[in-house]
Amino acid sequence: MAEKVSDKKTNVFSRIGKFFRDTKSEIKKIVWPTPKATTKNLGIVLAMIVIIGLIVYGLDSGLYALLGLIMAM
């Protein structure tokens, strides 16, 4: 009975060790973007945020004005 408990503990520790070895191996495979690519992507994201914000603002203002016309009738 004591051997089974010991085997289970060893098995758990070996599985945890294997997990961390596999994780380290996968992290080495990552190709990180260059600073230039990161800056370019940041610019694209910020531009899209501004464009979508302007579209939402325009729709909100237009619908609010339309509601004001309807309520004035």
PDB file of N, CA and C in Angstrom:
ATOM      1  N   MET A   1       0.824  -1.195   0.000  1.00  0.00           N
ATOM      2  CA  MET A   1       0.000   0.000   0.000  1.00  0.00           C
ATOM      3  C   MET A   1       0.868   1.259   0.000  1.00  0.00           C
ATOM      4  N   ALA A   2       1.947   1.233   0.760  1.00  0.00           N
ATOM      5  CA  ALA A   2       2.830   2.391   0.842  1.00  0.00           C
ATOM      6  C   ALA A   2       3.509   2.660  -0.491  1.00  0.00           C
ATOM      7  N   GLU A   3       3.789   1.610  -1.266  1.00  0.00           N
ATOM      8  CA  GLU A   3       4.434   1.789  -2.569  1.00  0.00           C
ATOM      9  C   GLU A   3       3.507   2.513  -3.538  1.00  0.00           C
ATOM     10  N   LYS A   4       2.222   2.218  -3.499  1.00  0.00           N
ATOM     11  CA  LYS A   4       1.283   2.855  -4.413  1.00  0.00           C
ATOM     12  C   LYS A   4       1.200   4.365  -4.170  1.00  0.00           C
ATOM     13  N   VAL A   5       1.186   4.756  -2.893  1.00  0.00           N
ATOM     14  CA  VAL A   5       1.140   6.179  -2.571  1.00  0.00           C
ATOM     15  C   VAL A   5       2.420   6.842  -3.050  1.00  0.00           C
ATOM     16  N   SER A   6       3.545   6.216  -2.844  1.00  0.00           N
ATOM     17  CA  SER A   6       4.825   6.765  -3.279  1.00  0.00           C
ATOM     18  C   SER A   6       4.881   6.873  -4.805  1.00  0.00           C
ATOM     19  N   ASP A   7       4.377   5.848  -5.507  1.00  0.00           N
ATOM     20  CA  ASP A   7       4.349   5.867  -6.964  1.00  0.00           C
ATOM     21  C   ASP A   7       3.466   7.005  -7.477  1.00  0.00           C
ATOM     22  N   LYS A   8       2.335   7.217  -6.816  1.00  0.00           N
ATOM     23  CA  LYS A   8       1.433   8.280  -7.245  1.00  0.00           C
ATOM     24  C   LYS A   8       2.082   9.648  -7.075  1.00  0.00           C
ATOM     25  N   LYS A   9       2.798   9.833  -5.939  1.00  0.00           N
ATOM     26  CA  LYS A   9       3.467  11.114  -5.718  1.00  0.00           C
ATOM     27  C   LYS A   9       4.548  11.328  -6.760  1.00  0.00           C
ATOM     28  N   THR A  10       5.323  10.298  -7.060  1.00  0.00           N
ATOM     29  CA  THR A  10       6.375  10.406  -8.062  1.00  0.00           C
ATOM     30  C   THR A  10       5.758  10.698  -9.418  1.00  0.00           C
ATOM     31  N   ASN A  11       4.677  10.036  -9.721  1.00  0.00           N
ATOM     32  CA  ASN A  11       4.003  10.236 -10.992  1.00  0.00           C
ATOM     33  C   ASN A  11       3.508  11.678 -11.114  1.00  0.00           C
ATOM     34  N   VAL A  12       2.960  12.223 -10.055  1.00  0.00           N
ATOM     35  CA  VAL A  12       2.452  13.592 -10.077  1.00  0.00           C
ATOM     36  C   VAL A  12       3.602  14.562 -10.306  1.00  0.00           C
ATOM     37  N   PHE A  13       4.709  14.354  -9.578  1.00  0.00           N
ATOM     38  CA  PHE A  13       5.849  15.261  -9.729  1.00  0.00           C
ATOM     39  C   PHE A  13       6.474  15.143 -11.112  1.00  0.00           C
ATOM     40  N   SER A  14       6.523  13.955 -11.660  1.00  0.00           N
ATOM     41  CA  SER A  14       7.089  13.804 -13.004  1.00  0.00           C
ATOM     42  C   SER A  14       6.172  14.441 -14.046  1.00  0.00           C
ATOM     43  N   ARG A  15       4.867  14.366 -13.837  1.00  0.00           N
ATOM     44  CA  ARG A  15       3.935  15.006 -14.760  1.00  0.00           C
ATOM     45  C   ARG A  15       4.047  16.526 -14.692  1.00  0.00           C
ATOM     46  N   ILE A  16       4.224  17.049 -13.478  1.00  0.00           N
ATOM     47  CA  ILE A  16       4.396  18.494 -13.324  1.00  0.00           C
ATOM     48  C   ILE A  16       5.692  18.933 -13.994  1.00  0.00           C
ATOM     49  N   GLY A  17       6.762  18.170 -13.802  1.00  0.00           N
ATOM     50  CA  GLY A  17       8.030  18.487 -14.442  1.00  0.00           C
ATOM     51  C   GLY A  17       7.921  18.452 -15.952  1.00  0.00           C
ATOM     52  N   LYS A  18       7.214  17.437 -16.479  1.00  0.00           N
ATOM     53  CA  LYS A  18       7.016  17.333 -17.926  1.00  0.00           C
ATOM     54  C   LYS A  18       6.227  18.528 -18.446  1.00  0.00           C
ATOM     55  N   PHE A  19       5.228  18.960 -17.692  1.00  0.00           N
ATOM     56  CA  PHE A  19       4.434  20.121 -18.099  1.00  0.00           C
ATOM     57  C   PHE A  19       5.321  21.348 -18.261  1.00  0.00           C
ATOM     58  N   PHE A  20       6.181  21.602 -17.272  1.00  0.00           N
ATOM     59  CA  PHE A  20       7.046  22.780 -17.344  1.00  0.00           C
ATOM     60  C   PHE A  20       8.097  22.654 -18.443  1.00  0.00           C
ATOM     61  N   ARG A  21       8.617  21.467 -18.684  1.00  0.00           N
ATOM     62  CA  ARG A  21       9.569  21.274 -19.789  1.00  0.00           C
ATOM     63  C   ARG A  21       8.881  21.524 -21.129  1.00  0.00           C
ATOM     64  N   ASP A  22       7.666  21.007 -21.280  1.00  0.00           N
ATOM     65  CA  ASP A  22       6.913  21.221 -22.525  1.00  0.00           C
ATOM     66  C   ASP A  22       6.575  22.698 -22.714  1.00  0.00           C
ATOM     67  N   THR A  23       6.216  23.373 -21.626  1.00  0.00           N
ATOM     68  CA  THR A  23       5.897  24.796 -21.693  1.00  0.00           C
ATOM     69  C   THR A  23       7.118  25.596 -22.136  1.00  0.00           C
ATOM     70  N   LYS A  24       8.272  25.292 -21.557  1.00  0.00           N
ATOM     71  CA  LYS A  24       9.510  25.983 -21.930  1.00  0.00           C
ATOM     72  C   LYS A  24       9.821  25.750 -23.409  1.00  0.00           C
ATOM     73  N   SER A  25       9.606  24.523 -23.876  1.00  0.00           N
ATOM     74  CA  SER A  25       9.850  24.187 -25.278  1.00  0.00           C
ATOM     75  C   SER A  25       8.926  24.980 -26.198  1.00  0.00           C
ATOM     76  N   GLU A  26       7.665  25.119 -25.830  1.00  0.00           N
ATOM     77  CA  GLU A  26       6.708  25.865 -26.653  1.00  0.00           C
ATOM     78  C   GLU A  26       7.021  27.360 -26.657  1.00  0.00           C
ATOM     79  N   ILE A  27       7.468  27.898 -25.532  1.00  0.00           N
ATOM     80  CA  ILE A  27       7.796  29.323 -25.464  1.00  0.00           C
ATOM     81  C   ILE A  27       8.963  29.643 -26.388  1.00  0.00           C
ATOM     82  N   LYS A  28       9.895  28.714 -26.533  1.00  0.00           N
ATOM     83  CA  LYS A  28      11.033  28.937 -27.430  1.00  0.00           C
ATOM     84  C   LYS A  28      10.595  29.008 -28.892  1.00  0.00           C
ATOM     85  N   LYS A  29       9.442  28.447 -29.238  1.00  0.00           N
ATOM     86  CA  LYS A  29       8.955  28.436 -30.618  1.00  0.00           C
ATOM     87  C   LYS A  29       8.255  29.735 -31.011  1.00  0.00           C
ATOM     88  N   ILE A  30       7.957  30.594 -30.047  1.00  0.00           N
ATOM     89  CA  ILE A  30       7.225  31.832 -30.325  1.00  0.00           C
ATOM     90  C   ILE A  30       8.095  32.770 -31.152  1.00  0.00           C
ATOM     91  N   VAL A  31       7.502  33.361 -32.183  1.00  0.00           N
ATOM     92  CA  VAL A  31       8.189  34.368 -32.988  1.00  0.00           C
ATOM     93  C   VAL A  31       7.609  35.718 -32.583  1.00  0.00           C
ATOM     94  N   TRP A  32       8.404  36.510 -31.875  1.00  0.00           N
ATOM     95  CA  TRP A  32       7.927  37.794 -31.379  1.00  0.00           C
ATOM     96  C   TRP A  32       8.015  38.840 -32.485  1.00  0.00           C
ATOM     97  N   PRO A  33       7.052  39.765 -32.547  1.00  0.00           N
ATOM     98  CA  PRO A  33       7.098  40.813 -33.580  1.00  0.00           C
ATOM     99  C   PRO A  33       8.222  41.801 -33.300  1.00  0.00           C
ATOM    100  N   THR A  34       8.694  42.415 -34.352  1.00  0.00           N
ATOM    101  CA  THR A  34       9.741  43.424 -34.214  1.00  0.00           C
ATOM    102  C   THR A  34       9.126  44.709 -33.649  1.00  0.00           C
ATOM    103  N   PRO A  35       9.940  45.582 -33.080  1.00  0.00           N
ATOM    104  CA  PRO A  35       9.401  46.860 -32.592  1.00  0.00           C
ATOM    105  C   PRO A  35       8.720  47.671 -33.699  1.00  0.00           C
ATOM    106  N   LYS A  36       9.251  47.592 -34.921  1.00  0.00           N
ATOM    107  CA  LYS A  36       8.648  48.325 -36.039  1.00  0.00           C
ATOM    108  C   LYS A  36       7.246  47.785 -36.334  1.00  0.00           C
ATOM    109  N   ALA A  37       7.095  46.465 -36.358  1.00  0.00           N
ATOM    110  CA  ALA A  37       5.783  45.857 -36.616  1.00  0.00           C
ATOM    111  C   ALA A  37       4.801  46.190 -35.485  1.00  0.00           C
ATOM    112  N   THR A  38       5.307  46.193 -34.259  1.00  0.00           N
ATOM    113  CA  THR A  38       4.448  46.521 -33.121  1.00  0.00           C
ATOM    114  C   THR A  38       3.952  47.954 -33.203  1.00  0.00           C
ATOM    115  N   THR A  39       4.841  48.880 -33.576  1.00  0.00           N
ATOM    116  CA  THR A  39       4.457  50.283 -33.716  1.00  0.00           C
ATOM    117  C   THR A  39       3.431  50.453 -34.833  1.00  0.00           C
ATOM    118  N   LYS A  40       3.647  49.761 -35.940  1.00  0.00           N
ATOM    119  CA  LYS A  40       2.708  49.843 -37.066  1.00  0.00           C
ATOM    120  C   LYS A  40       1.332  49.324 -36.652  1.00  0.00           C
ATOM    121  N   ASN A  41       1.303  48.178 -35.970  1.00  0.00           N
ATOM    122  CA  ASN A  41       0.026  47.612 -35.529  1.00  0.00           C
ATOM    123  C   ASN A  41      -0.658  48.511 -34.510  1.00  0.00           C
ATOM    124  N   LEU A  42       0.120  49.142 -33.632  1.00  0.00           N
ATOM    125  CA  LEU A  42      -0.456  50.073 -32.667  1.00  0.00           C
ATOM    126  C   LEU A  42      -1.112  51.251 -33.384  1.00  0.00           C
ATOM    127  N   GLY A  43      -0.450  51.766 -34.413  1.00  0.00           N
ATOM    128  CA  GLY A  43      -1.019  52.866 -35.181  1.00  0.00           C
ATOM    129  C   GLY A  43      -2.320  52.476 -35.851  1.00  0.00           C
ATOM    130  N   ILE A  44      -2.377  51.271 -36.402  1.00  0.00           N
ATOM    131  CA  ILE A  44      -3.598  50.794 -37.058  1.00  0.00           C
ATOM    132  C   ILE A  44      -4.728  50.667 -36.046  1.00  0.00           C
ATOM    133  N   VAL A  45      -4.423  50.118 -34.887  1.00  0.00           N
ATOM    134  CA  VAL A  45      -5.441  49.948 -33.846  1.00  0.00           C
ATOM    135  C   VAL A  45      -5.968  51.301 -33.383  1.00  0.00           C
ATOM    136  N   LEU A  46      -5.072  52.246 -33.133  1.00  0.00           N
ATOM    137  CA  LEU A  46      -5.515  53.570 -32.692  1.00  0.00           C
ATOM    138  C   LEU A  46      -6.346  54.269 -33.762  1.00  0.00           C
ATOM    139  N   ALA A  47      -5.947  54.144 -35.022  1.00  0.00           N
ATOM    140  CA  ALA A  47      -6.724  54.746 -36.113  1.00  0.00           C
ATOM    141  C   ALA A  47      -8.127  54.135 -36.177  1.00  0.00           C
ATOM    142  N   MET A  48      -8.234  52.835 -36.034  1.00  0.00           N
ATOM    143  CA  MET A  48      -9.549  52.182 -36.078  1.00  0.00           C
ATOM    144  C   MET A  48     -10.415  52.603 -34.892  1.00  0.00           C
ATOM    145  N   ILE A  49      -9.808  52.782 -33.731  1.00  0.00           N
ATOM    146  CA  ILE A  49     -10.567  53.245 -32.568  1.00  0.00           C
ATOM    147  C   ILE A  49     -11.149  54.630 -32.840  1.00  0.00           C
ATOM    148  N   VAL A  50     -10.356  55.523 -33.420  1.00  0.00           N
ATOM    149  CA  VAL A  50     -10.820  56.874 -33.722  1.00  0.00           C
ATOM    150  C   VAL A  50     -11.933  56.827 -34.771  1.00  0.00           C
ATOM    151  N   ILE A  51     -11.744  56.040 -35.831  1.00  0.00           N
ATOM    152  CA  ILE A  51     -12.749  55.950 -36.898  1.00  0.00           C
ATOM    153  C   ILE A  51     -14.064  55.405 -36.369  1.00  0.00           C
ATOM    154  N   ILE A  52     -14.003  54.316 -35.628  1.00  0.00           N
ATOM    155  CA  ILE A  52     -15.237  53.720 -35.091  1.00  0.00           C
ATOM    156  C   ILE A  52     -15.885  54.665 -34.082  1.00  0.00           C
ATOM    157  N   GLY A  53     -15.071  55.355 -33.280  1.00  0.00           N
ATOM    158  CA  GLY A  53     -15.614  56.340 -32.337  1.00  0.00           C
ATOM    159  C   GLY A  53     -16.356  57.456 -33.052  1.00  0.00           C
ATOM    160  N   LEU A  54     -15.791  57.928 -34.164  1.00  0.00           N
ATOM    161  CA  LEU A  54     -16.462  58.981 -34.942  1.00  0.00           C
ATOM    162  C   LEU A  54     -17.764  58.474 -35.560  1.00  0.00           C
ATOM    163  N   ILE A  55     -17.776  57.234 -36.032  1.00  0.00           N
ATOM    164  CA  ILE A  55     -19.001  56.659 -36.596  1.00  0.00           C
ATOM    165  C   ILE A  55     -20.087  56.559 -35.527  1.00  0.00           C
ATOM    166  N   VAL A  56     -19.724  56.060 -34.357  1.00  0.00           N
ATOM    167  CA  VAL A  56     -20.704  55.937 -33.262  1.00  0.00           C
ATOM    168  C   VAL A  56     -21.194  57.313 -32.837  1.00  0.00           C
ATOM    169  N   TYR A  57     -20.273  58.283 -32.746  1.00  0.00           N
ATOM    170  CA  TYR A  57     -20.670  59.651 -32.383  1.00  0.00           C
ATOM    171  C   TYR A  57     -21.634  60.232 -33.422  1.00  0.00           C
ATOM    172  N   GLY A  58     -21.339  60.020 -34.703  1.00  0.00           N
ATOM    173  CA  GLY A  58     -22.203  60.516 -35.760  1.00  0.00           C
ATOM    174  C   GLY A  58     -23.592  59.890 -35.708  1.00  0.00           C
ATOM    175  N   LEU A  59     -23.640  58.574 -35.526  1.00  0.00           N
ATOM    176  CA  LEU A  59     -24.940  57.903 -35.427  1.00  0.00           C
ATOM    177  C   LEU A  59     -25.716  58.386 -34.203  1.00  0.00           C
ATOM    178  N   ASP A  60     -25.034  58.542 -33.098  1.00  0.00           N
ATOM    179  CA  ASP A  60     -25.688  58.988 -31.875  1.00  0.00           C
ATOM    180  C   ASP A  60     -26.249  60.393 -32.049  1.00  0.00           C
ATOM    181  N   SER A  61     -25.448  61.272 -32.612  1.00  0.00           N
ATOM    182  CA  SER A  61     -25.908  62.656 -32.822  1.00  0.00           C
ATOM    183  C   SER A  61     -27.080  62.702 -33.808  1.00  0.00           C
ATOM    184  N   GLY A  62     -26.969  61.941 -34.886  1.00  0.00           N
ATOM    185  CA  GLY A  62     -28.039  61.920 -35.883  1.00  0.00           C
ATOM    186  C   GLY A  62     -29.340  61.363 -35.330  1.00  0.00           C
ATOM    187  N   LEU A  63     -29.265  60.274 -34.611  1.00  0.00           N
ATOM    188  CA  LEU A  63     -30.476  59.687 -34.040  1.00  0.00           C
ATOM    189  C   LEU A  63     -31.068  60.575 -32.957  1.00  0.00           C
ATOM    190  N   TYR A  64     -30.213  61.254 -32.196  1.00  0.00           N
ATOM    191  CA  TYR A  64     -30.708  62.182 -31.179  1.00  0.00           C
ATOM    192  C   TYR A  64     -31.439  63.352 -31.835  1.00  0.00           C
ATOM    193  N   ALA A  65     -30.888  63.864 -32.934  1.00  0.00           N
ATOM    194  CA  ALA A  65     -31.552  64.957 -33.661  1.00  0.00           C
ATOM    195  C   ALA A  65     -32.876  64.477 -34.249  1.00  0.00           C
ATOM    196  N   LEU A  66     -32.897  63.278 -34.789  1.00  0.00           N
ATOM    197  CA  LEU A  66     -34.138  62.710 -35.339  1.00  0.00           C
ATOM    198  C   LEU A  66     -35.189  62.541 -34.241  1.00  0.00           C
ATOM    199  N   LEU A  67     -34.765  62.100 -33.096  1.00  0.00           N
ATOM    200  CA  LEU A  67     -35.704  61.960 -31.967  1.00  0.00           C
ATOM    201  C   LEU A  67     -36.236  63.324 -31.553  1.00  0.00           C
ATOM    202  N   GLY A  68     -35.383  64.337 -31.582  1.00  0.00           N
ATOM    203  CA  GLY A  68     -35.836  65.704 -31.246  1.00  0.00           C
ATOM    204  C   GLY A  68     -36.882  66.191 -32.226  1.00  0.00           C
ATOM    205  N   LEU A  69     -36.733  65.876 -33.527  1.00  0.00           N
ATOM    206  CA  LEU A  69     -37.738  66.258 -34.516  1.00  0.00           C
ATOM    207  C   LEU A  69     -39.062  65.536 -34.289  1.00  0.00           C
ATOM    208  N   ILE A  70     -38.952  64.269 -33.966  1.00  0.00           N
ATOM    209  CA  ILE A  70     -40.185  63.481 -33.732  1.00  0.00           C
ATOM    210  C   ILE A  70     -40.911  63.991 -32.495  1.00  0.00           C
ATOM    211  N   MET A  71     -40.173  64.304 -31.445  1.00  0.00           N
ATOM    212  CA  MET A  71     -40.791  64.755 -30.201  1.00  0.00           C
ATOM    213  C   MET A  71     -41.388  66.158 -30.357  1.00  0.00           C
ATOM    214  N   ALA A  72     -40.865  66.966 -31.279  1.00  0.00           N
ATOM    215  CA  ALA A  72     -41.350  68.331 -31.470  1.00  0.00           C
ATOM    216  C   ALA A  72     -42.693  68.358 -32.192  1.00  0.00           C
ATOM    217  N   MET A  73     -43.050  67.279 -32.863  1.00  0.00           N
ATOM    218  CA  MET A  73     -44.310  67.248 -33.609  1.00  0.00           C
ATOM    219  C   MET A  73     -45.498  67.258 -32.707  1.00  0.00           C
TER     220      MET A  73
END
